[in-house]
C-alpha atoms as a PDB file:
ATOM      1  CA  MET A   1      82.994 -18.222  33.920  1.00  0.00           C
ATOM      2  CA  LYS A   2      79.289 -18.793  33.671  1.00  0.00           C
ATOM      3  CA  SER A   3      78.011 -21.916  35.380  1.00  0.00           C
ATOM      4  CA  ASN A   4      76.165 -24.588  33.358  1.00  0.00           C
ATOM      5  CA  ARG A   5      74.786 -27.756  35.013  1.00  0.00           C
ATOM      6  CA  SER A   6      75.002 -29.568  31.619  1.00  0.00           C
ATOM      7  CA  ILE A   7      78.805 -29.665  31.517  1.00  0.00           C
ATOM      8  CA  PRO A   8      81.454 -30.334  34.180  1.00  0.00           C
ATOM      9  CA  SER A   9      82.999 -27.217  35.706  1.00  0.00           C
ATOM     10  CA  ALA A  10      86.623 -28.392  35.061  1.00  0.00           C
ATOM     11  CA  THR A  11      88.688 -26.097  32.833  1.00  0.00           C
ATOM     12  CA  VAL A  12      90.050 -28.980  30.736  1.00  0.00           C
ATOM     13  CA  ILE A  13      87.733 -31.867  29.943  1.00  0.00           C
ATOM     14  CA  PRO A  14      89.189 -34.739  27.864  1.00  0.00           C
ATOM     15  CA  VAL A  15      86.769 -36.654  25.662  1.00  0.00           C
ATOM     16  CA  LEU A  16      87.860 -40.291  25.293  1.00  0.00           C
ATOM     17  CA  VAL A  17      86.405 -42.695  22.766  1.00  0.00           C
ATOM     18  CA  TYR A  18      85.513 -46.242  23.903  1.00  0.00           C
ATOM     19  CA  PRO A  19      84.005 -49.126  21.882  1.00  0.00           C
ATOM     20  CA  ASP A  20      81.413 -49.675  24.668  1.00  0.00           C
ATOM     21  CA  VAL A  21      80.474 -46.596  26.737  1.00  0.00           C
ATOM     22  CA  ARG A  22      78.544 -48.480  29.417  1.00  0.00           C
ATOM     23  CA  ALA A  23      81.336 -51.043  29.891  1.00  0.00           C
ATOM     24  CA  ALA A  24      83.877 -48.168  30.157  1.00  0.00           C
ATOM     25  CA  VAL A  25      81.775 -46.358  32.756  1.00  0.00           C
ATOM     26  CA  GLU A  26      81.470 -49.513  34.818  1.00  0.00           C
ATOM     27  CA  TRP A  27      85.208 -50.249  34.587  1.00  0.00           C
ATOM     28  CA  LEU A  28      86.325 -46.657  35.336  1.00  0.00           C
ATOM     29  CA  THR A  29      83.939 -46.555  38.349  1.00  0.00           C
ATOM     30  CA  GLU A  30      84.990 -49.919  39.725  1.00  0.00           C
ATOM     31  CA  VAL A  31      88.746 -49.784  39.033  1.00  0.00           C
ATOM     32  CA  PHE A  32      89.644 -46.061  39.267  1.00  0.00           C
ATOM     33  CA  GLY A  33      86.820 -44.933  41.530  1.00  0.00           C
ATOM     34  CA  PHE A  34      85.422 -42.281  39.113  1.00  0.00           C
ATOM     35  CA  ALA A  35      81.714 -41.397  39.383  1.00  0.00           C
ATOM     36  CA  GLU A  36      79.183 -40.994  36.631  1.00  0.00           C
ATOM     37  CA  ARG A  37      77.697 -37.501  36.607  1.00  0.00           C
ATOM     38  CA  ILE A  38      75.438 -37.385  33.520  1.00  0.00           C
ATOM     39  CA  ARG A  39      74.373 -40.100  31.105  1.00  0.00           C
ATOM     40  CA  ILE A  40      73.573 -39.051  27.566  1.00  0.00           C
ATOM     41  CA  GLY A  41      71.505 -41.756  25.812  1.00  0.00           C
ATOM     42  CA  GLU A  42      72.043 -45.340  26.855  1.00  0.00           C
ATOM     43  CA  ASP A  43      75.371 -45.851  25.071  1.00  0.00           C
ATOM     44  CA  HIS A  44      76.264 -42.459  23.498  1.00  0.00           C
ATOM     45  CA  ARG A  45      78.173 -40.510  26.148  1.00  0.00           C
ATOM     46  CA  SER A  46      78.823 -40.170  29.830  1.00  0.00           C
ATOM     47  CA  GLN A  47      80.247 -37.345  31.901  1.00  0.00           C
ATOM     48  CA  MET A  48      82.339 -38.625  34.774  1.00  0.00           C
ATOM     49  CA  ARG A  49      83.758 -36.941  37.861  1.00  0.00           C
ATOM     50  CA  ILE A  50      87.394 -37.484  38.783  1.00  0.00           C
ATOM     51  CA  GLY A  51      88.012 -36.388  42.356  1.00  0.00           C
ATOM     52  CA  GLU A  52      86.651 -33.042  43.418  1.00  0.00           C
ATOM     53  CA  ASP A  53      87.383 -30.907  40.408  1.00  0.00           C
ATOM     54  CA  GLY A  54      88.306 -33.248  37.498  1.00  0.00           C
ATOM     55  CA  ALA A  55      86.174 -34.581  34.709  1.00  0.00           C
ATOM     56  CA  VAL A  56      86.232 -36.806  31.572  1.00  0.00           C
ATOM     57  CA  ILE A  57      83.645 -37.456  28.923  1.00  0.00           C
ATOM     58  CA  ILE A  58      83.316 -41.006  27.704  1.00  0.00           C
ATOM     59  CA  ALA A  59      82.182 -41.033  24.048  1.00  0.00           C
ATOM     60  CA  ASP A  60      81.086 -43.796  21.672  1.00  0.00           C
ATOM     61  CA  VAL A  61      82.817 -44.862  18.466  1.00  0.00           C
ATOM     62  CA  HIS A  62      81.069 -42.852  15.764  1.00  0.00           C
ATOM     63  CA  GLY A  63      82.119 -41.512  12.364  1.00  0.00           C
ATOM     64  CA  PRO A  64      85.806 -40.481  12.571  1.00  0.00           C
ATOM     65  CA  ARG A  65      85.968 -41.194  16.331  1.00  0.00           C
ATOM     66  CA  THR A  66      87.845 -44.418  17.138  1.00  0.00           C
ATOM     67  CA  ALA A  67      89.094 -46.118  20.259  1.00  0.00           C
ATOM     68  CA  PRO A  68      92.830 -46.549  20.850  1.00  0.00           C
ATOM     69  CA  GLN A  69      94.675 -49.111  18.739  1.00  0.00           C
ATOM     70  CA  PRO A  70      96.829 -51.773  20.382  1.00  0.00           C
ATOM     71  CA  GLY A  71     100.509 -50.852  20.430  1.00  0.00           C
ATOM     72  CA  VAL A  72      99.961 -47.194  19.606  1.00  0.00           C
ATOM     73  CA  GLU A  73     100.243 -44.545  22.369  1.00  0.00           C
ATOM     74  CA  THR A  74      98.609 -41.318  21.318  1.00  0.00           C
ATOM     75  CA  HIS A  75      97.999 -39.733  24.715  1.00  0.00           C
ATOM     76  CA  LEU A  76      98.508 -40.038  28.452  1.00  0.00           C
ATOM     77  CA  LEU A  77      96.107 -38.604  31.043  1.00  0.00           C
ATOM     78  CA  LYS A  78      97.848 -37.461  34.192  1.00  0.00           C
ATOM     79  CA  VAL A  79      95.593 -37.413  37.260  1.00  0.00           C
ATOM     80  CA  ARG A  80      96.709 -36.092  40.665  1.00  0.00           C
ATOM     81  CA  VAL A  81      95.191 -37.985  43.600  1.00  0.00           C
ATOM     82  CA  GLU A  82      95.334 -37.721  47.435  1.00  0.00           C
ATOM     83  CA  ASP A  83      96.449 -41.318  48.072  1.00  0.00           C
ATOM     84  CA  VAL A  84      98.279 -42.859  45.037  1.00  0.00           C
ATOM     85  CA  ARG A  85      99.359 -45.934  46.999  1.00  0.00           C
ATOM     86  CA  ALA A  86      95.758 -46.855  47.811  1.00  0.00           C
ATOM     87  CA  LEU A  87      94.693 -46.319  44.210  1.00  0.00           C
ATOM     88  CA  TYR A  88      97.668 -48.371  42.986  1.00  0.00           C
ATOM     89  CA  GLU A  89      96.606 -51.251  45.231  1.00  0.00           C
ATOM     90  CA  ARG A  90      92.969 -50.938  44.071  1.00  0.00           C
ATOM     91  CA  VAL A  91      94.019 -50.963  40.383  1.00  0.00           C
ATOM     92  CA  LYS A  92      96.314 -53.974  40.923  1.00  0.00           C
ATOM     93  CA  SER A  93      93.612 -55.870  42.790  1.00  0.00           C
ATOM     94  CA  HIS A  94      91.360 -55.482  39.731  1.00  0.00           C
ATOM     95  CA  GLY A  95      94.059 -56.913  37.421  1.00  0.00           C
ATOM     96  CA  ALA A  96      94.383 -53.743  35.309  1.00  0.00           C
ATOM     97  CA  PRO A  97      97.543 -53.712  33.143  1.00  0.00           C
ATOM     98  CA  ILE A  98     100.227 -51.691  35.017  1.00  0.00           C
ATOM     99  CA  VAL A  99     102.567 -50.072  32.472  1.00  0.00           C
ATOM    100  CA  ALA A 100     104.912 -48.445  35.018  1.00  0.00           C
ATOM    101  CA  GLU A 101     105.070 -49.569  38.630  1.00  0.00           C
ATOM    102  CA  LEU A 102     104.561 -47.187  41.546  1.00  0.00           C
ATOM    103  CA  ALA A 103     107.786 -45.197  41.996  1.00  0.00           C
ATOM    104  CA  GLU A 104     108.940 -41.806  43.320  1.00  0.00           C
ATOM    105  CA  GLN A 105     110.223 -39.560  40.546  1.00  0.00           C
ATOM    106  CA  PRO A 106     113.116 -37.054  40.830  1.00  0.00           C
ATOM    107  CA  PHE A 107     110.596 -34.201  40.404  1.00  0.00           C
ATOM    108  CA  GLY A 108     108.786 -35.084  43.666  1.00  0.00           C
ATOM    109  CA  GLU A 109     105.838 -37.169  42.385  1.00  0.00           C
ATOM    110  CA  LEU A 110     104.988 -40.709  43.452  1.00  0.00           C
ATOM    111  CA  GLN A 111     103.250 -42.206  40.397  1.00  0.00           C
ATOM    112  CA  PHE A 112     102.245 -45.222  38.372  1.00  0.00           C
ATOM    113  CA  THR A 113     100.912 -45.759  34.863  1.00  0.00           C
ATOM    114  CA  VAL A 114      98.078 -48.075  33.817  1.00  0.00           C
ATOM    115  CA  ASP A 115      96.102 -48.836  30.645  1.00  0.00           C
ATOM    116  CA  ASP A 116      92.319 -49.030  30.903  1.00  0.00           C
ATOM    117  CA  LEU A 117      90.041 -51.607  29.281  1.00  0.00           C
ATOM    118  CA  ALA A 118      90.143 -49.838  25.872  1.00  0.00           C
ATOM    119  CA  GLY A 119      93.883 -48.980  25.929  1.00  0.00           C
ATOM    120  CA  HIS A 120      93.709 -45.359  27.138  1.00  0.00           C
ATOM    121  CA  ARG A 121      96.881 -44.681  29.168  1.00  0.00           C
ATOM    122  CA  TRP A 122      96.470 -43.118  32.688  1.00  0.00           C
ATOM    123  CA  GLU A 123      99.220 -41.877  34.983  1.00  0.00           C
ATOM    124  CA  PHE A 124      98.154 -41.334  38.559  1.00  0.00           C
ATOM    125  CA  CYS A 125     100.375 -39.283  40.807  1.00  0.00           C
ATOM    126  CA  GLN A 126     100.682 -37.737  44.272  1.00  0.00           C
ATOM    127  CA  SER A 127     103.061 -34.939  45.242  1.00  0.00           C
ATOM    128  CA  VAL A 128     105.381 -36.186  47.965  1.00  0.00           C
ATOM    129  CA  ARG A 129     108.039 -33.490  47.876  1.00  0.00           C
ATOM    130  CA  ASP A 130     108.359 -29.862  46.738  1.00  0.00           C
ATOM    131  CA  VAL A 131     111.229 -29.892  44.261  1.00  0.00           C
ATOM    132  CA  ASP A 132     112.834 -26.908  42.469  1.00  0.00           C
ATOM    133  CA  PRO A 133     112.591 -27.746  38.726  1.00  0.00           C
ATOM    134  CA  ALA A 134     116.286 -26.848  38.356  1.00  0.00           C
ATOM    135  CA  GLU A 135     117.149 -29.912  40.498  1.00  0.00           C
ATOM    136  CA  TRP A 136     116.013 -32.263  37.719  1.00  0.00           C
ATOM    137  CA  GLY A 137     116.814 -30.154  34.685  1.00  0.00           C
ATOM    138  CA  GLY A 138     113.591 -28.187  34.267  1.00  0.00           C
ATOM    139  CA  THR A 139     113.446 -24.501  33.512  1.00  0.00           C
ATOM    140  CA  VAL A 140     110.701 -22.274  34.923  1.00  0.00           C
ATOM    141  CA  VAL A 141     109.377 -20.047  32.140  1.00  0.00           C
ATOM    142  CA  GLY A 142     107.306 -16.935  32.789  1.00  0.00           C
END
């Protein structure tokens, strides 16, 4: 794939809409530890790094783009991290709304779920065991 410094190198790049781009960037940096990569206009968009190879684009409300609505879950962003316990403690210390507490899942992931300041739902996880999908009812396809 051709390299382009104007876009993150990640294969999948979610674009999330926030009512206030700058407030979202500040919150995501402070609470989740993301890092701003490129700012586009003062309040239009921001490209953010997540870990070493992840990315998300923060976009403003414009035309048909709208931020999440309270009580409606339309998506969940799953992010793998090196130390989910440390991130969980960081998120809790900032008072972010935890939707699902830190817990080990039957499929070998230690994870928790949190909503951000605009209502986007994030699930952070860390692999703690290698589990055959058949053990929890999954089927490997292909």
